[in-house]
Amino acid sequence: MKNQASILIIYTGGTIGMCKDHETGSLIPVNFSELRNHIPSLDLFNFKIESYSFDPIIDSANMKPEFWIKLAQVIEDNYKIYDGFVILHGSD
């Protein structure tokens, strides 16, 4: 049997990683540790998903080369641990 693949989701900021707060109506960052609760069909696949979020998250309009360097460092630090990376980044 093949080993379980592992994926690291890296959230830098932006609306793509937000959900609506039902109490206030405003957008708040998704709690990626609860991703499988929100998308149960992920259980159909044989892979492990973990996440890393920038702290603080960066509005995409404020993304600068220093954050690209941080992003590259996160990938380098985890390169041997994960089989793949998904980067969630804003549109600006």
N, C-alpha and C. Protein backbone atom coordinates (compact mmCIF):
# COMPACT_ATOMS: atom_id res chain seq x y z
N MET A 1 0.84 -1.18 0.00
CA MET A 1 0.00 0.00 0.00
C MET A 1 0.88 1.25 0.00
N LYS A 2 0.53 2.22 -0.82
CA LYS A 2 1.28 3.46 -0.93
C LYS A 2 1.15 4.29 0.34
N ASN A 3 2.24 4.97 0.72
CA ASN A 3 2.18 5.86 1.87
C ASN A 3 1.22 7.00 1.58
N GLN A 4 0.66 7.52 2.64
CA GLN A 4 -0.28 8.63 2.51
C GLN A 4 0.48 9.90 2.11
N ALA A 5 0.05 10.54 1.03
CA ALA A 5 0.65 11.81 0.60
C ALA A 5 0.29 12.90 1.59
N SER A 6 1.16 13.89 1.68
CA SER A 6 0.89 15.00 2.60
C SER A 6 1.03 16.33 1.86
N ILE A 7 0.11 17.23 2.17
CA ILE A 7 0.05 18.53 1.52
C ILE A 7 0.04 19.61 2.60
N LEU A 8 0.83 20.65 2.36
CA LEU A 8 0.83 21.80 3.26
C LEU A 8 0.16 22.97 2.54
N ILE A 9 -0.92 23.47 3.12
CA ILE A 9 -1.58 24.67 2.62
C ILE A 9 -0.92 25.86 3.31
N ILE A 10 -0.43 26.79 2.52
CA ILE A 10 0.20 28.00 3.06
C ILE A 10 -0.72 29.17 2.73
N TYR A 11 -1.25 29.79 3.77
CA TYR A 11 -2.18 30.90 3.60
C TYR A 11 -1.45 32.20 3.92
N THR A 12 -1.31 33.05 2.89
CA THR A 12 -0.62 34.32 3.09
C THR A 12 -1.59 35.43 3.47
N GLY A 13 -2.83 35.28 3.07
CA GLY A 13 -3.86 36.28 3.31
C GLY A 13 -4.77 36.36 2.10
N GLY A 14 -5.74 37.24 2.15
CA GLY A 14 -6.66 37.43 1.04
C GLY A 14 -7.99 36.73 1.26
N THR A 15 -8.96 37.14 0.47
CA THR A 15 -10.33 36.67 0.61
C THR A 15 -10.46 35.17 0.37
N ILE A 16 -9.57 34.58 -0.42
CA ILE A 16 -9.67 33.15 -0.74
C ILE A 16 -9.62 32.29 0.52
N GLY A 17 -9.02 32.77 1.57
CA GLY A 17 -8.92 32.03 2.82
C GLY A 17 -9.83 32.57 3.91
N MET A 18 -10.90 33.21 3.50
CA MET A 18 -11.83 33.82 4.46
C MET A 18 -13.19 33.13 4.40
N CYS A 19 -13.93 33.27 5.48
CA CYS A 19 -15.31 32.82 5.52
C CYS A 19 -16.12 33.87 6.28
N LYS A 20 -17.42 33.79 6.14
CA LYS A 20 -18.29 34.78 6.77
C LYS A 20 -18.53 34.42 8.23
N ASP A 21 -18.33 35.38 9.11
CA ASP A 21 -18.66 35.22 10.52
C ASP A 21 -20.17 35.39 10.64
N HIS A 22 -20.87 34.35 11.09
CA HIS A 22 -22.33 34.37 11.13
C HIS A 22 -22.87 35.37 12.15
N GLU A 23 -22.10 35.70 13.16
CA GLU A 23 -22.55 36.68 14.16
C GLU A 23 -22.42 38.11 13.68
N THR A 24 -21.29 38.45 13.04
CA THR A 24 -21.04 39.84 12.66
C THR A 24 -21.27 40.10 11.18
N GLY A 25 -21.25 39.06 10.36
CA GLY A 25 -21.38 39.23 8.93
C GLY A 25 -20.09 39.61 8.23
N SER A 26 -19.04 39.84 8.99
CA SER A 26 -17.76 40.22 8.39
C SER A 26 -16.97 38.97 8.00
N LEU A 27 -15.95 39.18 7.18
CA LEU A 27 -15.08 38.08 6.77
C LEU A 27 -13.99 37.87 7.79
N ILE A 28 -13.72 36.61 8.10
CA ILE A 28 -12.66 36.24 9.04
C ILE A 28 -11.84 35.11 8.41
N PRO A 29 -10.57 34.98 8.80
CA PRO A 29 -9.75 33.88 8.26
C PRO A 29 -10.33 32.51 8.61
N VAL A 30 -10.25 31.60 7.66
CA VAL A 30 -10.69 30.22 7.86
C VAL A 30 -9.77 29.55 8.86
N ASN A 31 -10.33 28.71 9.71
CA ASN A 31 -9.52 27.87 10.59
C ASN A 31 -9.22 26.59 9.80
N PHE A 32 -8.04 26.53 9.20
CA PHE A 32 -7.72 25.43 8.30
C PHE A 32 -7.63 24.09 9.01
N SER A 33 -7.50 24.09 10.33
CA SER A 33 -7.49 22.81 11.05
C SER A 33 -8.87 22.16 11.01
N GLU A 34 -9.90 22.93 10.65
CA GLU A 34 -11.26 22.41 10.54
C GLU A 34 -11.69 22.21 9.08
N LEU A 35 -10.73 22.19 8.16
CA LEU A 35 -11.03 22.11 6.74
C LEU A 35 -11.87 20.88 6.40
N ARG A 36 -11.53 19.74 6.95
CA ARG A 36 -12.27 18.51 6.65
C ARG A 36 -13.71 18.57 7.18
N ASN A 37 -13.96 19.36 8.21
CA ASN A 37 -15.33 19.54 8.70
C ASN A 37 -16.17 20.30 7.68
N HIS A 38 -15.55 21.23 6.97
CA HIS A 38 -16.26 22.05 5.99
C HIS A 38 -16.31 21.38 4.61
N ILE A 39 -15.35 20.52 4.33
CA ILE A 39 -15.29 19.83 3.03
C ILE A 39 -15.10 18.33 3.30
N PRO A 40 -16.17 17.65 3.73
CA PRO A 40 -16.02 16.23 4.11
C PRO A 40 -15.58 15.33 2.97
N SER A 41 -15.78 15.74 1.72
CA SER A 41 -15.35 14.88 0.61
C SER A 41 -13.84 14.73 0.55
N LEU A 42 -13.08 15.56 1.27
CA LEU A 42 -11.63 15.38 1.33
C LEU A 42 -11.25 14.03 1.93
N ASP A 43 -12.16 13.47 2.73
CA ASP A 43 -11.89 12.16 3.33
C ASP A 43 -11.85 11.04 2.29
N LEU A 44 -12.33 11.31 1.09
CA LEU A 44 -12.32 10.30 0.02
C LEU A 44 -10.92 10.09 -0.55
N PHE A 45 -10.02 11.01 -0.28
CA PHE A 45 -8.68 10.96 -0.82
C PHE A 45 -7.68 10.51 0.24
N ASN A 46 -6.65 9.84 -0.21
CA ASN A 46 -5.65 9.31 0.72
C ASN A 46 -4.50 10.31 0.86
N PHE A 47 -4.78 11.45 1.48
CA PHE A 47 -3.71 12.39 1.76
C PHE A 47 -3.99 13.16 3.04
N LYS A 48 -2.92 13.60 3.62
CA LYS A 48 -2.96 14.37 4.86
C LYS A 48 -2.84 15.84 4.48
N ILE A 49 -3.66 16.69 5.08
CA ILE A 49 -3.60 18.12 4.82
C ILE A 49 -3.27 18.83 6.13
N GLU A 50 -2.24 19.65 6.07
CA GLU A 50 -1.91 20.51 7.21
C GLU A 50 -1.79 21.93 6.68
N SER A 51 -1.73 22.90 7.57
CA SER A 51 -1.70 24.28 7.11
C SER A 51 -0.71 25.13 7.89
N TYR A 52 -0.32 26.20 7.25
CA TYR A 52 0.54 27.22 7.85
C TYR A 52 -0.02 28.56 7.40
N SER A 53 -0.26 29.46 8.33
CA SER A 53 -0.77 30.80 8.00
C SER A 53 0.23 31.85 8.40
N PHE A 54 0.42 32.82 7.51
CA PHE A 54 1.24 33.97 7.87
C PHE A 54 0.62 34.64 9.10
N ASP A 55 1.44 35.17 9.96
CA ASP A 55 0.96 35.88 11.14
C ASP A 55 1.75 37.17 11.29
N PRO A 56 1.14 38.28 10.99
CA PRO A 56 -0.25 38.44 10.57
C PRO A 56 -0.41 38.11 9.09
N ILE A 57 -1.67 37.84 8.70
CA ILE A 57 -1.92 37.61 7.28
C ILE A 57 -1.71 38.92 6.54
N ILE A 58 -1.37 38.81 5.25
CA ILE A 58 -1.01 39.97 4.45
C ILE A 58 -2.09 40.22 3.39
N ASP A 59 -2.61 41.44 3.34
CA ASP A 59 -3.50 41.81 2.25
C ASP A 59 -2.68 41.74 0.96
N SER A 60 -3.25 41.19 -0.08
CA SER A 60 -2.47 40.98 -1.31
C SER A 60 -1.94 42.29 -1.89
N ALA A 61 -2.61 43.40 -1.65
CA ALA A 61 -2.11 44.69 -2.13
C ALA A 61 -0.82 45.09 -1.42
N ASN A 62 -0.56 44.49 -0.27
CA ASN A 62 0.65 44.80 0.51
C ASN A 62 1.75 43.76 0.35
N MET A 63 1.54 42.78 -0.52
CA MET A 63 2.54 41.74 -0.72
C MET A 63 3.78 42.34 -1.39
N LYS A 64 4.90 42.12 -0.77
CA LYS A 64 6.18 42.67 -1.25
C LYS A 64 7.21 41.55 -1.31
N PRO A 65 8.35 41.80 -1.95
CA PRO A 65 9.39 40.75 -2.05
C PRO A 65 9.78 40.15 -0.70
N GLU A 66 9.75 40.90 0.37
CA GLU A 66 10.12 40.34 1.69
C GLU A 66 9.17 39.22 2.09
N PHE A 67 7.90 39.28 1.66
CA PHE A 67 6.95 38.21 1.97
C PHE A 67 7.15 37.02 1.04
N TRP A 68 7.59 37.28 -0.20
CA TRP A 68 7.92 36.18 -1.11
C TRP A 68 9.08 35.38 -0.54
N ILE A 69 10.03 36.10 0.07
CA ILE A 69 11.17 35.43 0.70
C ILE A 69 10.68 34.57 1.87
N LYS A 70 9.78 35.12 2.66
CA LYS A 70 9.21 34.35 3.79
C LYS A 70 8.49 33.11 3.26
N LEU A 71 7.72 33.27 2.20
CA LEU A 71 7.01 32.14 1.60
C LEU A 71 7.98 31.07 1.12
N ALA A 72 9.04 31.49 0.45
CA ALA A 72 10.05 30.54 -0.01
C ALA A 72 10.72 29.83 1.17
N GLN A 73 10.92 30.54 2.27
CA GLN A 73 11.54 29.94 3.46
C GLN A 73 10.63 28.88 4.08
N VAL A 74 9.33 29.16 4.12
CA VAL A 74 8.38 28.17 4.66
C VAL A 74 8.43 26.90 3.81
N ILE A 75 8.46 27.06 2.50
CA ILE A 75 8.53 25.88 1.62
C ILE A 75 9.85 25.15 1.82
N GLU A 76 10.96 25.89 1.86
CA GLU A 76 12.26 25.25 2.06
C GLU A 76 12.31 24.49 3.39
N ASP A 77 11.80 25.10 4.45
CA ASP A 77 11.80 24.47 5.77
C ASP A 77 10.97 23.19 5.81
N ASN A 78 9.99 23.08 4.94
CA ASN A 78 9.06 21.94 4.95
C ASN A 78 9.19 21.04 3.73
N TYR A 79 10.16 21.29 2.88
CA TYR A 79 10.27 20.62 1.60
C TYR A 79 10.38 19.09 1.73
N LYS A 80 11.11 18.62 2.72
CA LYS A 80 11.30 17.17 2.88
C LYS A 80 10.16 16.51 3.65
N ILE A 81 9.29 17.32 4.24
CA ILE A 81 8.20 16.80 5.06
C ILE A 81 6.93 16.55 4.23
N TYR A 82 6.69 17.41 3.25
CA TYR A 82 5.44 17.36 2.48
C TYR A 82 5.70 16.99 1.02
N ASP A 83 4.68 16.37 0.42
CA ASP A 83 4.76 15.99 -0.98
C ASP A 83 4.34 17.13 -1.91
N GLY A 84 3.57 18.06 -1.39
CA GLY A 84 3.10 19.17 -2.21
C GLY A 84 2.70 20.36 -1.36
N PHE A 85 2.61 21.49 -2.02
CA PHE A 85 2.26 22.74 -1.36
C PHE A 85 1.16 23.44 -2.13
N VAL A 86 0.19 24.00 -1.42
CA VAL A 86 -0.84 24.84 -2.02
C VAL A 86 -0.71 26.20 -1.36
N ILE A 87 -0.53 27.22 -2.19
CA ILE A 87 -0.36 28.58 -1.67
C ILE A 87 -1.63 29.35 -1.94
N LEU A 88 -2.25 29.83 -0.87
CA LEU A 88 -3.43 30.66 -0.99
C LEU A 88 -3.00 32.11 -0.86
N HIS A 89 -3.25 32.87 -1.91
CA HIS A 89 -2.73 34.23 -2.03
C HIS A 89 -3.83 35.08 -2.65
N GLY A 90 -3.91 36.33 -2.26
CA GLY A 90 -4.90 37.23 -2.83
C GLY A 90 -4.67 37.52 -4.30
N SER A 91 -5.54 38.33 -4.86
CA SER A 91 -5.52 38.56 -6.32
C SER A 91 -4.78 39.82 -6.75
N ASP A 92 -4.38 40.68 -5.84
CA ASP A 92 -3.70 41.92 -6.22
C ASP A 92 -2.22 41.69 -6.49
